[in-house]
PDB file of N, CA and C in Angstrom:
ATOM      1  N   MET A   1      83.291 118.719  83.206  1.00  0.00           N
ATOM      2  CA  MET A   1      84.452 118.092  84.507  1.00  0.00           C
ATOM      3  C   MET A   1      83.490 117.747  85.593  1.00  0.00           C
ATOM      4  N   VAL A   2      82.496 118.611  85.570  1.00  0.00           N
ATOM      5  CA  VAL A   2      81.417 118.365  86.731  1.00  0.00           C
ATOM      6  C   VAL A   2      80.454 117.054  86.501  1.00  0.00           C
ATOM      7  N   GLN A   3      80.510 116.682  84.978  1.00  0.00           N
ATOM      8  CA  GLN A   3      79.930 115.452  84.401  1.00  0.00           C
ATOM      9  C   GLN A   3      80.972 114.256  85.226  1.00  0.00           C
ATOM     10  N   MET A   4      82.062 114.592  84.717  1.00  0.00           N
ATOM     11  CA  MET A   4      83.287 113.367  85.604  1.00  0.00           C
ATOM     12  C   MET A   4      83.070 113.157  86.753  1.00  0.00           C
ATOM     13  N   VAL A   5      82.898 114.526  87.514  1.00  0.00           N
ATOM     14  CA  VAL A   5      82.745 114.157  89.003  1.00  0.00           C
ATOM     15  C   VAL A   5      81.672 113.524  89.297  1.00  0.00           C
ATOM     16  N   MET A   6      80.358 113.712  88.759  1.00  0.00           N
ATOM     17  CA  MET A   6      78.925 113.214  89.020  1.00  0.00           C
ATOM     18  C   MET A   6      78.737 111.661  88.688  1.00  0.00           C
ATOM     19  N   SER A   7      79.682 111.456  87.320  1.00  0.00           N
ATOM     20  CA  SER A   7      79.948 110.003  87.096  1.00  0.00           C
ATOM     21  C   SER A   7      80.876 109.280  88.174  1.00  0.00           C
ATOM     22  N   MET A   8      81.748 109.746  88.703  1.00  0.00           N
ATOM     23  CA  MET A   8      82.317 109.011  89.766  1.00  0.00           C
ATOM     24  C   MET A   8      81.642 108.812  91.019  1.00  0.00           C
ATOM     25  N   ALA A   9      80.597 109.885  90.997  1.00  0.00           N
ATOM     26  CA  ALA A   9      79.788 109.666  92.430  1.00  0.00           C
ATOM     27  C   ALA A   9      78.916 108.476  92.081  1.00  0.00           C
ATOM     28  N   GLY A  10      78.447 108.326  91.054  1.00  0.00           N
ATOM     29  CA  GLY A  10      77.431 107.319  90.521  1.00  0.00           C
ATOM     30  C   GLY A  10      78.319 106.222  90.516  1.00  0.00           C
ATOM     31  N   ALA A  11      79.486 105.928  90.293  1.00  0.00           N
ATOM     32  CA  ALA A  11      80.295 104.624  90.423  1.00  0.00           C
ATOM     33  C   ALA A  11      80.359 104.326  91.571  1.00  0.00           C
ATOM     34  N   THR A  12      80.554 105.074  92.615  1.00  0.00           N
ATOM     35  CA  THR A  12      80.686 104.359  93.892  1.00  0.00           C
ATOM     36  C   THR A  12      79.473 104.217  94.648  1.00  0.00           C
ATOM     37  N   LEU A  13      78.409 104.921  94.177  1.00  0.00           N
ATOM     38  CA  LEU A  13      77.021 104.357  94.886  1.00  0.00           C
ATOM     39  C   LEU A  13      76.692 103.204  94.293  1.00  0.00           C
ATOM     40  N   ALA A  14      77.142 102.604  93.131  1.00  0.00           N
ATOM     41  CA  ALA A  14      76.969 101.792  92.398  1.00  0.00           C
ATOM     42  C   ALA A  14      77.548 100.596  92.999  1.00  0.00           C
ATOM     43  N   GLY A  15      78.795 100.519  93.375  1.00  0.00           N
ATOM     44  CA  GLY A  15      79.877  99.366  94.027  1.00  0.00           C
ATOM     45  C   GLY A  15      80.356  99.219  92.853  1.00  0.00           C
ATOM     46  N   ASP A  16      80.207  99.250  91.644  1.00  0.00           N
ATOM     47  CA  ASP A  16      81.244  98.561  90.856  1.00  0.00           C
ATOM     48  C   ASP A  16      82.571  98.964  90.824  1.00  0.00           C
ATOM     49  N   SER A  17      83.545  97.515  91.060  1.00  0.00           N
ATOM     50  CA  SER A  17      84.660  97.901  91.546  1.00  0.00           C
ATOM     51  C   SER A  17      85.723  98.436  90.343  1.00  0.00           C
ATOM     52  N   ASN A  18      85.066  97.995  88.998  1.00  0.00           N
ATOM     53  CA  ASN A  18      86.017  98.399  88.106  1.00  0.00           C
ATOM     54  C   ASN A  18      85.636 100.378  87.885  1.00  0.00           C
ATOM     55  N   GLN A  19      84.340 100.425  87.667  1.00  0.00           N
ATOM     56  CA  GLN A  19      84.275 102.007  87.671  1.00  0.00           C
ATOM     57  C   GLN A  19      84.562 102.457  88.823  1.00  0.00           C
ATOM     58  N   LEU A  20      85.048 101.967  89.915  1.00  0.00           N
ATOM     59  CA  LEU A  20      85.507 102.635  91.159  1.00  0.00           C
ATOM     60  C   LEU A  20      86.893 102.905  90.903  1.00  0.00           C
ATOM     61  N   ARG A  21      87.638 101.738  90.336  1.00  0.00           N
ATOM     62  CA  ARG A  21      88.866 102.070  90.306  1.00  0.00           C
ATOM     63  C   ARG A  21      89.480 103.172  89.205  1.00  0.00           C
ATOM     64  N   SER A  22      88.766 102.574  88.051  1.00  0.00           N
ATOM     65  CA  SER A  22      88.734 103.836  87.345  1.00  0.00           C
ATOM     66  C   SER A  22      88.588 105.073  87.480  1.00  0.00           C
ATOM     67  N   GLY A  23      87.490 105.255  88.317  1.00  0.00           N
ATOM     68  CA  GLY A  23      87.519 106.844  89.172  1.00  0.00           C
ATOM     69  C   GLY A  23      88.325 107.250  89.782  1.00  0.00           C
ATOM     70  N   ALA A  24      89.192 106.351  90.748  1.00  0.00           N
ATOM     71  CA  ALA A  24      90.045 106.703  91.693  1.00  0.00           C
ATOM     72  C   ALA A  24      91.324 107.204  90.802  1.00  0.00           C
ATOM     73  N   LEU A  25      91.716 106.027  89.722  1.00  0.00           N
ATOM     74  CA  LEU A  25      92.752 106.724  88.752  1.00  0.00           C
ATOM     75  C   LEU A  25      92.593 107.808  88.335  1.00  0.00           C
ATOM     76  N   ALA A  26      91.474 108.191  87.727  1.00  0.00           N
ATOM     77  CA  ALA A  26      91.028 109.585  87.033  1.00  0.00           C
ATOM     78  C   ALA A  26      91.180 110.666  88.174  1.00  0.00           C
ATOM     79  N   ARG A  27      90.964 110.693  89.348  1.00  0.00           N
ATOM     80  CA  ARG A  27      91.461 111.443  90.608  1.00  0.00           C
ATOM     81  C   ARG A  27      92.468 111.613  90.496  1.00  0.00           C
ATOM     82  N   LYS A  28      93.501 110.540  90.662  1.00  0.00           N
ATOM     83  CA  LYS A  28      94.687 110.811  91.071  1.00  0.00           C
ATOM     84  C   LYS A  28      95.494 111.421  89.858  1.00  0.00           C
ATOM     85  N   VAL A  29      95.112 111.373  88.465  1.00  0.00           N
ATOM     86  CA  VAL A  29      95.855 111.983  87.355  1.00  0.00           C
ATOM     87  C   VAL A  29      95.367 113.412  87.465  1.00  0.00           C
ATOM     88  N   LEU A  30      93.970 113.534  87.580  1.00  0.00           N
ATOM     89  CA  LEU A  30      93.583 114.963  87.869  1.00  0.00           C
ATOM     90  C   LEU A  30      94.395 115.781  88.866  1.00  0.00           C
ATOM     91  N   GLY A  31      94.638 114.911  89.844  1.00  0.00           N
ATOM     92  CA  GLY A  31      95.368 115.750  91.121  1.00  0.00           C
ATOM     93  C   GLY A  31      96.743 115.959  90.594  1.00  0.00           C
ATOM     94  N   LEU A  32      97.245 114.769  90.021  1.00  0.00           N
ATOM     95  CA  LEU A  32      98.764 115.224  89.403  1.00  0.00           C
ATOM     96  C   LEU A  32      98.621 116.379  88.489  1.00  0.00           C
ATOM     97  N   ALA A  33      97.977 116.507  87.584  1.00  0.00           N
ATOM     98  CA  ALA A  33      97.982 117.624  86.615  1.00  0.00           C
ATOM     99  C   ALA A  33      97.773 118.803  87.265  1.00  0.00           C
ATOM    100  N   ILE A  34      97.061 119.014  88.198  1.00  0.00           N
ATOM    101  CA  ILE A  34      96.954 120.436  89.125  1.00  0.00           C
ATOM    102  C   ILE A  34      98.112 120.700  89.833  1.00  0.00           C
ATOM    103  N   VAL A  35      98.675 119.813  90.423  1.00  0.00           N
ATOM    104  CA  VAL A  35     100.012 120.109  91.069  1.00  0.00           C
ATOM    105  C   VAL A  35     100.982 120.466  90.207  1.00  0.00           C
ATOM    106  N   SER A  36     101.111 119.576  89.026  1.00  0.00           N
ATOM    107  CA  SER A  36     102.391 119.898  88.162  1.00  0.00           C
ATOM    108  C   SER A  36     101.944 121.211  87.835  1.00  0.00           C
ATOM    109  N   SER A  37     100.875 121.690  87.371  1.00  0.00           N
ATOM    110  CA  SER A  37     100.614 122.973  86.906  1.00  0.00           C
ATOM    111  C   SER A  37     100.913 124.044  87.902  1.00  0.00           C
ATOM    112  N   GLY A  38     100.718 123.694  89.233  1.00  0.00           N
ATOM    113  CA  GLY A  38     101.040 124.406  89.985  1.00  0.00           C
ATOM    114  C   GLY A  38     102.672 124.987  90.172  1.00  0.00           C
ATOM    115  N   TYR A  39     103.094 124.003  89.933  1.00  0.00           N
ATOM    116  CA  TYR A  39     104.770 123.719  89.917  1.00  0.00           C
ATOM    117  C   TYR A  39     105.393 124.650  89.096  1.00  0.00           C
ATOM    118  N   ALA A  40     104.511 124.319  87.933  1.00  0.00           N
ATOM    119  CA  ALA A  40     104.949 124.884  86.583  1.00  0.00           C
ATOM    120  C   ALA A  40     104.960 126.394  86.469  1.00  0.00           C
ATOM    121  N   VAL A  41     103.738 127.207  87.144  1.00  0.00           N
ATOM    122  CA  VAL A  41     103.290 128.249  87.406  1.00  0.00           C
ATOM    123  C   VAL A  41     104.881 129.236  88.575  1.00  0.00           C
ATOM    124  N   LEU A  42     104.958 128.282  89.599  1.00  0.00           N
ATOM    125  CA  LEU A  42     105.923 128.792  90.612  1.00  0.00           C
ATOM    126  C   LEU A  42     107.535 128.862  89.967  1.00  0.00           C
ATOM    127  N   LEU A  43     107.797 127.927  88.839  1.00  0.00           N
ATOM    128  CA  LEU A  43     108.642 127.932  88.362  1.00  0.00           C
ATOM    129  C   LEU A  43     108.821 129.062  87.410  1.00  0.00           C
ATOM    130  N   ALA A  44     107.978 129.258  86.801  1.00  0.00           N
ATOM    131  CA  ALA A  44     107.872 130.281  85.494  1.00  0.00           C
ATOM    132  C   ALA A  44     108.032 131.819  86.505  1.00  0.00           C
ATOM    133  N   HIS A  45     107.181 131.852  87.213  1.00  0.00           N
ATOM    134  CA  HIS A  45     107.591 133.158  88.058  1.00  0.00           C
ATOM    135  C   HIS A  45     108.737 133.368  88.321  1.00  0.00           C
ATOM    136  N   GLY A  46     109.431 132.257  89.272  1.00  0.00           N
ATOM    137  CA  GLY A  46     110.821 132.236  89.771  1.00  0.00           C
ATOM    138  C   GLY A  46     111.936 132.933  88.587  1.00  0.00           C
ATOM    139  N   LEU A  47     111.523 132.270  87.326  1.00  0.00           N
ATOM    140  CA  LEU A  47     112.174 132.551  86.312  1.00  0.00           C
ATOM    141  C   LEU A  47     112.345 133.710  85.996  1.00  0.00           C
ATOM    142  N   GLN A  48     111.039 134.418  85.754  1.00  0.00           N
ATOM    143  CA  GLN A  48     110.771 135.787  85.438  1.00  0.00           C
ATOM    144  C   GLN A  48     111.130 136.610  86.453  1.00  0.00           C
ATOM    145  N   HIS A  49     111.387 136.621  87.592  1.00  0.00           N
ATOM    146  CA  HIS A  49     111.584 137.315  88.839  1.00  0.00           C
ATOM    147  C   HIS A  49     113.442 137.192  88.567  1.00  0.00           C
ATOM    148  N   ALA A  50     113.789 136.214  88.587  1.00  0.00           N
ATOM    149  CA  ALA A  50     115.158 136.119  88.416  1.00  0.00           C
ATOM    150  C   ALA A  50     115.703 136.558  87.495  1.00  0.00           C
ATOM    151  N   PHE A  51     115.035 137.054  86.277  1.00  0.00           N
ATOM    152  CA  PHE A  51     115.870 137.779  85.315  1.00  0.00           C
ATOM    153  C   PHE A  51     115.393 138.905  85.163  1.00  0.00           C
ATOM    154  N   GLY A  52     114.986 139.399  86.167  1.00  0.00           N
ATOM    155  CA  GLY A  52     114.068 140.908  86.351  1.00  0.00           C
ATOM    156  C   GLY A  52     113.093 141.268  85.650  1.00  0.00           C
ATOM    157  N   GLY A  53     112.196 140.225  85.412  1.00  0.00           N
ATOM    158  CA  GLY A  53     110.721 140.591  84.557  1.00  0.00           C
ATOM    159  C   GLY A  53     109.872 141.068  85.551  1.00  0.00           C
TER     160      GLY A  53
END
């Protein structure tokens, strides 16, 4: 993951528009995955609490 972040930083410095766009897309997808997993944890915890777990 660190390598991916470093490669995105390199793409920004290089100024290559294709790499920059794919890096932005990768960050959006990664952010969506993190937020989705957070909601899944909250939902699972709520269900467990609702059923007396």
